[in-house]
Amino acid sequence: MGNTLDHKCPSCNAVLKFNPHGQNWVCEYCKNKYTIEQLEEYEKKSNKVLEKEPEVKKSDIDVYICPNCGAQIITDPSVSATSCVYCKNTAILKDKLQGEFNPNYVIPFKKTKEDAIDAFKKLGKGKPLMPRAFSKKENINEMSGIYIPFWLYDYNSDGVVEAHCNRITSWSSGNYRYTKTDTFLVTRGGNMSFEKIPVDGSKRFQNDIMNSIEPFDYNDMKEFNYSYLSGFLSEKYDITKEEAQEDAINRAKESFKEQMKKDIIGYNSTTIVKDNINLVNTNSSYVLLPVWMLNIKYKDKIYTFAMNGQTGKLIGDIPIDNKKAILIFIITFAICFLIAFVFMYISRGQI
């Protein structure tokens, strides 16, 4: 039987949510504030659970009953925290976060939904050709805070790289200009340590988007506690540690080669042609990282915007509304034509 934490205020029993700015839990009704230690103590004394209805479970959905209002909560199997669409009560699906799916660490949100919306609005400022869908309040308010599953890898590495390096010299003699290119085979070797190389552990989120909002400050990483998920969505990994490790290895090797390349100086160009790099995995961690996400559909295409929920780094491209572009062109052309016509009329009158 599945279960979740039912986050309620110990004082008034209202829904309790995590406050990114204060890094604590604030009740929206009685205004009481709680630390993680206070919540842990409260949860030991009384902890309601959401009960899953096994008879309605299918291969692609999970169904829970909200203990706050009795409504059904239907989720995807990869979802580990959601909310009731009726009473907005946080539903942390505890059975999705146990055993191998129990995260080691979490970086709590530092940016609120209001911070994310403000950042998105600033992205659209000064863009008159932005489609109307990207400025509609009902679309922008769909901004969601999601804890994305990541794997973090530590490696010790040693290796050797070989590079073709060109040194170009030029000189003039008489009426001629000469250029000479000398090519050298250069070898560099060394050892490096890598800590916390992140790899997205969810198939639902594009790797290029997740990579673009890096880096995260791992100094803020906390031991995982379910309470940090209160008020947010969350996913569990569906890419295993072994499957994700290939990306981490590639990133480590590319970083090793880039560092060796930087150590080769005195040449006009350097191209690494061969490498022999050994990596030893010293540690792996399963963590949840905070991301604000917004999806807007425009002309049958989904445009995704993501903001690092810790640092505030925002990525996403806003398309051009071709109808607006044509309209602005027509108006500009008409104004220029009118100005030219008036100028010609005045000029003729002065002759």
Protein backbone atom coordinates (compact mmCIF):
# COMPACT_ATOMS: atom_id res chain seq x y z
CA MET A 1 0.00 0.00 0.00
CA GLY A 2 1.39 3.41 -0.96
CA ASN A 3 1.52 6.38 1.39
CA THR A 4 2.49 10.03 1.51
CA LEU A 5 3.16 12.69 4.04
CA ASP A 6 0.17 14.91 4.73
CA HIS A 7 1.74 18.29 5.46
CA LYS A 8 -0.50 20.12 7.89
CA CYS A 9 0.21 23.01 10.24
CA PRO A 10 0.64 21.65 13.82
CA SER A 11 -1.28 24.68 15.12
CA CYS A 12 -4.32 25.03 12.84
CA ASN A 13 -4.18 21.95 10.57
CA ALA A 14 -4.01 24.05 7.39
CA VAL A 15 -1.85 23.02 4.42
CA LEU A 16 1.80 23.78 5.15
CA LYS A 17 4.28 24.75 2.42
CA PHE A 18 8.02 25.31 2.24
CA ASN A 19 9.10 28.97 2.09
CA PRO A 20 12.17 29.33 -0.21
CA HIS A 21 13.10 32.81 1.01
CA GLY A 22 12.99 31.99 4.70
CA GLN A 23 14.14 28.37 4.25
CA ASN A 24 11.39 27.36 6.68
CA TRP A 25 7.73 26.32 6.68
CA VAL A 26 5.10 29.06 7.05
CA CYS A 27 1.37 28.56 7.56
CA GLU A 28 -0.60 30.85 5.25
CA TYR A 29 -3.47 31.01 7.75
CA CYS A 30 -2.12 31.29 11.31
CA LYS A 31 1.30 32.63 10.13
CA ASN A 32 3.23 30.27 12.39
CA LYS A 33 6.72 29.32 11.24
CA TYR A 34 8.45 25.97 11.67
CA THR A 35 11.98 24.64 11.31
CA ILE A 36 12.87 21.26 9.88
CA GLU A 37 13.56 19.97 13.39
CA GLN A 38 10.10 21.02 14.59
CA LEU A 39 8.40 19.31 11.64
CA GLU A 40 10.36 16.12 12.15
CA GLU A 41 9.25 16.01 15.78
CA TYR A 42 5.64 16.67 14.79
CA GLU A 43 5.71 13.97 12.10
CA LYS A 44 6.91 11.40 14.64
CA LYS A 45 3.88 12.09 16.81
CA SER A 46 1.20 12.11 14.10
CA ASN A 47 1.61 11.35 10.45
CA LYS A 48 -1.39 10.79 8.17
CA VAL A 49 -0.86 8.89 4.99
CA LEU A 50 -2.49 8.82 1.61
CA GLU A 51 -3.76 5.36 0.81
CA LYS A 52 -3.43 4.05 -2.68
CA GLU A 53 -6.37 2.28 -4.31
CA PRO A 54 -4.75 -0.83 -5.80
CA GLU A 55 -7.89 -1.93 -7.60
CA VAL A 56 -7.85 1.13 -9.89
CA LYS A 57 -4.14 1.18 -10.50
CA LYS A 58 -3.14 0.69 -14.12
CA SER A 59 0.24 0.32 -15.75
CA ASP A 60 0.46 4.01 -16.55
CA ILE A 61 -1.29 5.70 -13.58
CA ASP A 62 -1.39 5.64 -9.81
CA VAL A 63 -4.50 6.71 -7.90
CA TYR A 64 -4.51 8.04 -4.33
CA ILE A 65 -7.22 9.43 -2.08
CA CYS A 66 -6.59 12.91 -0.67
CA PRO A 67 -7.03 12.74 3.13
CA ASN A 68 -7.90 16.43 3.20
CA CYS A 69 -10.97 16.44 0.92
CA GLY A 70 -11.44 12.84 -0.22
CA ALA A 71 -10.86 13.53 -3.92
CA GLN A 72 -8.87 11.18 -6.14
CA ILE A 73 -5.30 12.15 -6.96
CA ILE A 74 -4.18 10.58 -10.23
CA THR A 75 -0.46 10.60 -10.97
CA ASP A 76 2.10 9.23 -13.36
CA PRO A 77 4.27 6.43 -11.88
CA SER A 78 7.34 8.68 -12.13
CA VAL A 79 5.75 11.43 -9.99
CA SER A 80 6.82 11.44 -6.33
CA ALA A 81 5.16 14.68 -5.16
CA THR A 82 2.07 16.42 -6.50
CA SER A 83 -0.99 18.27 -5.18
CA CYS A 84 -4.74 17.77 -5.04
CA VAL A 85 -6.41 19.75 -7.82
CA TYR A 86 -9.38 20.49 -5.55
CA CYS A 87 -8.01 21.50 -2.14
CA LYS A 88 -4.38 22.15 -3.28
CA ASN A 89 -3.14 19.95 -0.44
CA THR A 90 0.44 18.78 -0.95
CA ALA A 91 0.66 15.07 -1.72
CA ILE A 92 4.13 13.65 -1.20
CA LEU A 93 3.96 10.06 -2.39
CA LYS A 94 6.21 8.54 0.22
CA ASP A 95 6.14 5.05 -1.29
CA LYS A 96 7.75 6.55 -4.43
CA LEU A 97 10.68 7.82 -2.35
CA GLN A 98 11.65 4.71 -0.43
CA GLY A 99 14.28 2.04 -0.87
CA GLU A 100 16.36 2.60 -3.98
CA PHE A 101 14.29 5.70 -4.79
CA ASN A 102 15.06 7.41 -1.48
CA PRO A 103 17.24 10.43 -2.36
CA ASN A 104 20.49 11.02 -0.49
CA TYR A 105 20.30 14.79 -0.68
CA VAL A 106 18.15 17.72 -1.76
CA ILE A 107 18.88 21.35 -2.59
CA PRO A 108 15.84 23.32 -1.34
CA PHE A 109 14.23 26.01 -3.48
CA LYS A 110 15.57 29.51 -2.87
CA LYS A 111 13.50 31.21 -5.58
CA THR A 112 9.74 31.52 -5.23
CA LYS A 113 7.09 31.27 -7.93
CA GLU A 114 6.87 35.07 -7.92
CA ASP A 115 10.64 35.25 -8.55
CA ALA A 116 10.30 32.88 -11.49
CA ILE A 117 7.36 34.77 -13.00
CA ASP A 118 9.18 38.11 -12.66
CA ALA A 119 12.25 36.65 -14.38
CA PHE A 120 10.10 35.32 -17.22
CA LYS A 121 8.39 38.69 -17.67
CA LYS A 122 11.79 40.42 -17.86
CA LEU A 123 12.79 37.94 -20.58
CA GLY A 124 9.89 39.20 -22.70
CA LYS A 125 10.51 42.93 -22.15
CA GLY A 126 11.62 44.86 -25.21
CA LYS A 127 10.33 42.15 -27.57
CA PRO A 128 7.38 43.68 -29.46
CA LEU A 129 7.18 40.64 -31.76
CA MET A 130 6.54 38.25 -28.87
CA PRO A 131 3.35 36.19 -29.41
CA ARG A 132 0.42 37.09 -27.16
CA ALA A 133 0.41 33.59 -25.64
CA PHE A 134 3.66 34.42 -23.84
CA SER A 135 2.17 37.40 -22.03
CA LYS A 136 -1.19 35.91 -21.01
CA LYS A 137 -1.52 35.79 -17.24
CA GLU A 138 -3.26 32.41 -17.26
CA ASN A 139 -0.30 30.90 -19.15
CA ILE A 140 2.41 32.50 -17.01
CA ASN A 141 0.70 31.39 -13.80
CA GLU A 142 1.23 27.77 -14.86
CA MET A 143 4.86 28.13 -13.72
CA SER A 144 5.58 25.02 -11.63
CA GLY A 145 8.27 24.27 -9.07
CA ILE A 146 9.63 20.76 -9.63
CA TYR A 147 12.33 18.77 -7.90
CA ILE A 148 14.19 17.01 -10.70
CA PRO A 149 16.06 13.76 -9.96
CA PHE A 150 19.80 13.92 -10.63
CA TRP A 151 22.74 11.61 -10.17
CA LEU A 152 25.99 13.13 -8.89
CA TYR A 153 29.30 11.37 -9.58
CA ASP A 154 32.80 11.76 -8.15
CA TYR A 155 35.84 10.53 -10.08
CA ASN A 156 39.59 10.29 -9.77
CA SER A 157 41.27 10.39 -13.17
CA ASP A 158 44.68 10.07 -14.76
CA GLY A 159 45.65 10.00 -18.39
CA VAL A 160 47.62 11.20 -21.37
CA VAL A 161 46.59 13.17 -24.45
CA GLU A 162 48.37 13.70 -27.75
CA ALA A 163 47.81 16.82 -29.82
CA HIS A 164 48.80 18.21 -33.20
CA CYS A 165 49.97 21.77 -32.62
CA ASN A 166 50.61 24.32 -35.35
CA ARG A 167 53.01 27.22 -35.10
CA ILE A 168 52.63 29.78 -37.88
CA THR A 169 55.31 32.31 -38.82
CA SER A 170 55.08 34.95 -41.54
CA TRP A 171 57.62 37.29 -43.12
CA SER A 172 58.06 39.52 -46.16
CA SER A 173 60.87 39.46 -48.69
CA GLY A 174 60.79 41.83 -51.61
CA ASN A 175 57.35 41.84 -53.13
CA TYR A 176 56.40 38.55 -51.56
CA ARG A 177 54.77 37.51 -48.31
CA TYR A 178 55.70 34.09 -46.93
CA THR A 179 53.87 31.95 -44.38
CA LYS A 180 55.34 28.87 -42.76
CA THR A 181 53.36 26.33 -40.71
CA ASP A 182 55.23 23.90 -38.45
CA THR A 183 53.27 21.00 -36.95
CA PHE A 184 54.37 19.32 -33.72
CA LEU A 185 53.16 16.26 -31.87
CA VAL A 186 52.75 17.32 -28.24
CA THR A 187 51.97 15.04 -25.29
CA ARG A 188 50.51 16.05 -21.96
CA GLY A 189 49.56 13.93 -18.97
CA GLY A 190 48.26 14.39 -15.47
CA ASN A 191 45.61 13.49 -12.93
CA MET A 192 42.45 15.27 -11.87
CA SER A 193 39.62 14.84 -9.38
CA PHE A 194 35.99 15.55 -10.22
CA GLU A 195 33.26 16.14 -7.67
CA LYS A 196 29.51 16.09 -8.16
CA ILE A 197 29.21 15.82 -11.92
CA PRO A 198 25.42 16.08 -12.42
CA VAL A 199 23.37 13.96 -14.82
CA ASP A 200 19.60 14.30 -15.24
CA GLY A 201 17.89 11.14 -13.99
CA SER A 202 14.52 11.70 -15.68
CA LYS A 203 13.59 10.89 -19.27
CA ARG A 204 10.84 13.53 -19.24
CA PHE A 205 13.23 16.46 -19.10
CA GLN A 206 15.56 17.40 -21.92
CA ASN A 207 19.24 17.06 -21.03
CA ASP A 208 20.23 20.21 -22.91
CA ILE A 209 17.74 22.26 -20.87
CA MET A 210 18.90 20.76 -17.57
CA ASN A 211 22.56 21.31 -18.52
CA SER A 212 21.86 24.93 -19.48
CA ILE A 213 20.61 25.96 -16.02
CA GLU A 214 23.72 24.63 -14.28
CA PRO A 215 25.64 25.15 -12.10
CA PHE A 216 24.01 24.45 -8.75
CA ASP A 217 25.76 25.45 -5.53
CA TYR A 218 26.19 22.16 -3.71
CA ASN A 219 27.13 23.96 -0.50
CA ASP A 220 23.36 24.34 0.02
CA MET A 221 22.74 20.60 -0.26
CA LYS A 222 20.83 19.10 2.65
CA GLU A 223 20.24 15.54 3.74
CA PHE A 224 16.97 14.52 2.16
CA ASN A 225 13.80 15.15 4.13
CA TYR A 226 10.28 14.78 2.73
CA SER A 227 9.31 18.14 4.21
CA TYR A 228 11.34 20.05 1.60
CA LEU A 229 8.92 18.77 -1.07
CA SER A 230 5.94 20.44 0.60
CA GLY A 231 4.27 22.79 -1.88
CA PHE A 232 6.22 21.51 -4.89
CA LEU A 233 6.07 18.79 -7.50
CA SER A 234 8.69 16.07 -7.63
CA GLU A 235 9.81 13.25 -9.90
CA LYS A 236 11.64 10.02 -9.16
CA TYR A 237 14.39 8.79 -11.43
CA ASP A 238 13.65 6.53 -14.39
CA ILE A 239 17.25 6.52 -15.62
CA THR A 240 19.35 4.25 -13.43
CA LYS A 241 22.71 5.17 -11.92
CA GLU A 242 24.43 2.81 -14.35
CA GLU A 243 22.61 4.24 -17.39
CA ALA A 244 23.33 7.85 -16.41
CA GLN A 245 26.98 7.21 -15.67
CA GLU A 246 27.92 7.20 -19.36
CA ASP A 247 27.10 10.92 -19.63
CA ALA A 248 29.10 11.66 -16.48
CA ILE A 249 32.12 9.76 -17.84
CA ASN A 250 31.94 11.67 -21.14
CA ARG A 251 31.76 14.99 -19.31
CA ALA A 252 34.71 14.09 -17.10
CA LYS A 253 36.82 13.00 -20.07
CA GLU A 254 35.99 16.15 -22.04
CA SER A 255 36.94 18.29 -19.03
CA PHE A 256 40.21 16.36 -18.65
CA LYS A 257 41.10 16.92 -22.32
CA GLU A 258 40.20 20.62 -22.15
CA GLN A 259 42.44 21.09 -19.11
CA MET A 260 45.34 19.32 -20.83
CA LYS A 261 44.74 21.46 -23.92
CA LYS A 262 44.96 24.64 -21.82
CA ASP A 263 48.36 23.52 -20.57
CA ILE A 264 49.70 23.45 -24.13
CA ILE A 265 50.83 26.99 -24.86
CA GLY A 266 52.96 28.74 -27.48
CA TYR A 267 51.10 27.46 -30.54
CA ASN A 268 48.62 29.06 -32.92
CA SER A 269 46.27 26.05 -32.88
CA THR A 270 45.96 22.81 -30.94
CA THR A 271 43.93 19.75 -31.86
CA ILE A 272 43.78 16.70 -29.62
CA VAL A 273 44.09 13.59 -31.77
CA LYS A 274 44.45 10.83 -29.19
CA ASP A 275 43.73 10.28 -25.53
CA ASN A 276 44.03 7.56 -22.92
CA ILE A 277 42.07 8.54 -19.81
CA ASN A 278 41.30 6.30 -16.86
CA LEU A 279 38.43 7.10 -14.48
CA VAL A 280 37.66 5.61 -11.08
CA ASN A 281 34.22 6.30 -9.62
CA THR A 282 34.71 7.16 -5.94
CA ASN A 283 31.14 8.14 -5.04
CA SER A 284 27.61 8.42 -6.45
CA SER A 285 24.62 10.23 -4.96
CA TYR A 286 20.95 10.48 -5.80
CA VAL A 287 19.71 14.05 -5.30
CA LEU A 288 16.69 16.23 -6.04
CA LEU A 289 17.46 19.64 -7.56
CA PRO A 290 15.00 22.59 -7.70
CA VAL A 291 13.73 23.83 -11.07
CA TRP A 292 10.93 26.22 -12.02
CA MET A 293 9.40 25.21 -15.34
CA LEU A 294 6.87 26.72 -17.73
CA ASN A 295 5.55 25.17 -20.95
CA ILE A 296 3.67 27.36 -23.43
CA LYS A 297 2.09 25.96 -26.58
CA TYR A 298 2.28 28.16 -29.68
CA LYS A 299 1.43 26.97 -33.19
CA ASP A 300 1.43 23.29 -32.21
CA LYS A 301 4.88 23.56 -30.65
CA ILE A 302 5.73 23.47 -26.94
CA TYR A 303 8.20 26.10 -25.76
CA THR A 304 9.88 25.22 -22.48
CA PHE A 305 11.33 27.72 -20.05
CA ALA A 306 13.37 26.56 -17.06
CA MET A 307 14.82 28.47 -14.15
CA ASN A 308 17.33 27.20 -11.63
CA GLY A 309 15.29 27.24 -8.42
CA GLN A 310 18.40 27.99 -6.39
CA THR A 311 20.41 30.53 -8.44
CA GLY A 312 17.66 32.05 -10.63
CA LYS A 313 19.38 31.29 -13.96
CA LEU A 314 16.64 31.27 -16.63
CA ILE A 315 16.78 29.75 -20.11
CA GLY A 316 14.26 29.58 -22.95
CA ASP A 317 13.62 31.12 -26.36
CA ILE A 318 10.63 33.27 -27.24
CA PRO A 319 9.51 32.90 -30.88
CA ILE A 320 8.53 35.72 -33.24
CA ASP A 321 4.88 36.32 -34.12
CA ASN A 322 5.00 36.56 -37.93
CA LYS A 323 1.62 38.33 -38.06
CA LYS A 324 2.92 41.04 -35.73
CA ALA A 325 6.10 41.32 -37.80
CA ILE A 326 4.13 41.81 -41.02
CA LEU A 327 1.79 44.32 -39.36
CA ILE A 328 4.70 46.35 -37.95
CA PHE A 329 6.39 46.29 -41.39
CA ILE A 330 3.21 47.55 -43.08
CA ILE A 331 2.73 50.32 -40.51
CA THR A 332 6.39 51.36 -40.72
CA PHE A 333 6.27 51.36 -44.52
CA ALA A 334 3.07 53.44 -44.51
CA ILE A 335 4.55 56.00 -42.10
CA CYS A 336 7.76 56.28 -44.14
CA PHE A 337 5.74 56.63 -47.36
CA LEU A 338 3.57 59.35 -45.79
CA ILE A 339 6.60 61.28 -44.54
CA ALA A 340 8.25 61.03 -47.98
CA PHE A 341 5.03 62.18 -49.69
CA VAL A 342 4.65 65.19 -47.36
CA PHE A 343 8.32 66.10 -47.85
CA MET A 344 7.97 65.96 -51.65
CA TYR A 345 4.75 68.05 -51.50
CA ILE A 346 6.43 70.73 -49.39
CA SER A 347 9.51 70.72 -51.61
CA ARG A 348 7.44 71.24 -54.76
CA GLY A 349 5.52 74.08 -53.11
CA GLN A 350 8.77 75.91 -52.39
CA ILE A 351 9.92 75.76 -56.01
